[in-house]
Amino acid sequence: MVFASLFGVVSSAQAKALSKNDRDLCSWGSAVAGSAQASKLSRVSLYGARNKVQARKYSQPWMRMMALGITEQTYDSASRLKPAAVKQTYYQDCIKHEMARR
């Protein structure tokens, strides 16, 4: 339990070292992954999930393709985790990835 608590503090400190844009990108991607997992667990087909992603409005042109990629990767995964757990895991891994890029 103490380790998990310390991990949360370290992750939080690392996230603050990133720019707001990087944190926002990770947050957006994690929301897409969580939504895709919720659709998958609700037995929505990949086709239906892709249509949902295509119908959304995006502020940047690259976001649609990235959302489709995240959705497809989520559907390809055998994971049965709850959407909140997928969202948290995606966010943490994204932050780690962004920190490693620096």
Protein backbone atom coordinates (compact mmCIF):
# COMPACT_ATOMS: atom_id res chain seq x y z
CA MET A 1 0.00 0.00 0.00
CA VAL A 2 2.85 2.37 0.84
CA PHE A 3 4.49 1.59 -2.49
CA ALA A 4 1.31 2.43 -4.38
CA SER A 5 1.06 5.70 -2.46
CA LEU A 6 4.66 6.60 -3.26
CA PHE A 7 4.14 5.65 -6.90
CA GLY A 8 1.22 8.07 -7.07
CA VAL A 9 3.37 10.90 -5.68
CA VAL A 10 6.22 10.15 -8.09
CA SER A 11 3.83 9.92 -11.06
CA SER A 12 2.24 13.19 -10.04
CA ALA A 13 5.63 14.89 -9.82
CA GLN A 14 6.63 13.52 -13.21
CA ALA A 15 3.38 14.68 -14.78
CA LYS A 16 3.98 18.20 -13.50
CA ALA A 17 7.40 18.21 -15.17
CA LEU A 18 5.67 17.81 -18.53
CA SER A 19 4.04 20.67 -20.34
CA LYS A 20 0.30 21.20 -20.00
CA ASN A 21 -0.06 20.23 -23.66
CA ASP A 22 1.65 16.86 -23.05
CA ARG A 23 -0.53 16.16 -20.02
CA ASP A 24 -3.65 17.18 -21.95
CA LEU A 25 -2.70 14.84 -24.80
CA CYS A 26 -2.25 11.94 -22.38
CA SER A 27 -5.53 12.78 -20.69
CA TRP A 28 -7.37 12.92 -24.03
CA GLY A 29 -5.87 9.60 -25.16
CA SER A 30 -6.74 7.94 -21.88
CA ALA A 31 -10.35 9.13 -22.23
CA VAL A 32 -10.50 7.61 -25.72
CA ALA A 33 -9.06 4.31 -24.41
CA GLY A 34 -11.52 4.25 -21.51
CA SER A 35 -14.44 4.92 -23.83
CA ALA A 36 -13.28 2.20 -26.22
CA GLN A 37 -12.97 -0.27 -23.35
CA ALA A 38 -16.48 0.60 -22.16
CA SER A 39 -17.80 -0.02 -25.68
CA LYS A 40 -15.91 -3.30 -25.93
CA LEU A 41 -17.24 -4.54 -22.59
CA SER A 42 -20.75 -3.51 -23.65
CA ARG A 43 -20.34 -5.77 -26.67
CA VAL A 44 -20.44 -2.93 -29.18
CA SER A 45 -18.75 -4.17 -32.34
CA LEU A 46 -15.48 -2.65 -33.50
CA TYR A 47 -17.41 -1.37 -36.51
CA GLY A 48 -19.88 0.42 -34.22
CA ALA A 49 -17.08 1.84 -32.07
CA ARG A 50 -15.24 3.09 -35.16
CA ASN A 51 -18.42 4.80 -36.39
CA LYS A 52 -18.80 6.48 -33.01
CA VAL A 53 -15.21 7.76 -33.21
CA GLN A 54 -15.73 8.95 -36.79
CA ALA A 55 -18.89 10.86 -35.82
CA ARG A 56 -17.17 12.91 -33.10
CA LYS A 57 -15.88 16.42 -33.72
CA TYR A 58 -12.16 16.96 -33.12
CA SER A 59 -10.23 20.17 -32.61
CA GLN A 60 -7.16 18.91 -34.50
CA PRO A 61 -7.07 16.97 -37.79
CA TRP A 62 -4.73 14.26 -36.43
CA MET A 63 -7.01 13.43 -33.51
CA ARG A 64 -9.49 11.35 -35.52
CA MET A 65 -6.83 8.93 -36.80
CA MET A 66 -5.21 8.69 -33.38
CA ALA A 67 -8.60 7.98 -31.76
CA LEU A 68 -9.25 5.26 -34.33
CA GLY A 69 -5.85 3.71 -33.59
CA ILE A 70 -6.40 3.78 -29.84
CA THR A 71 -9.85 2.25 -30.30
CA GLU A 72 -8.55 -0.55 -32.52
CA GLN A 73 -5.70 -1.33 -30.12
CA THR A 74 -8.15 -1.45 -27.24
CA TYR A 75 -10.40 -3.87 -29.13
CA ASP A 76 -7.40 -6.03 -30.12
CA SER A 77 -6.40 -6.38 -26.47
CA ALA A 78 -7.71 -9.35 -24.52
CA SER A 79 -8.04 -7.12 -21.45
CA ARG A 80 -11.28 -7.25 -19.50
CA LEU A 81 -10.28 -4.44 -17.12
CA LYS A 82 -12.83 -1.83 -16.16
CA PRO A 83 -12.75 1.34 -18.29
CA ALA A 84 -11.47 3.43 -15.36
CA ALA A 85 -8.49 1.08 -14.93
CA VAL A 86 -7.72 1.22 -18.67
CA LYS A 87 -7.94 5.00 -18.57
CA GLN A 88 -5.57 5.24 -15.60
CA THR A 89 -3.10 2.76 -17.08
CA TYR A 90 -3.08 4.54 -20.44
CA TYR A 91 -2.48 7.90 -18.75
CA GLN A 92 0.39 6.58 -16.60
CA ASP A 93 2.05 4.83 -19.54
CA CYS A 94 1.64 7.91 -21.73
CA ILE A 95 3.29 10.08 -19.06
CA LYS A 96 6.16 7.57 -18.77
CA HIS A 97 6.55 7.57 -22.55
CA GLU A 98 6.60 11.37 -22.75
CA MET A 99 9.15 11.56 -19.92
CA ALA A 100 11.36 8.96 -21.65
CA ARG A 101 11.25 10.95 -24.90
CA ARG A 102 12.92 13.88 -23.17
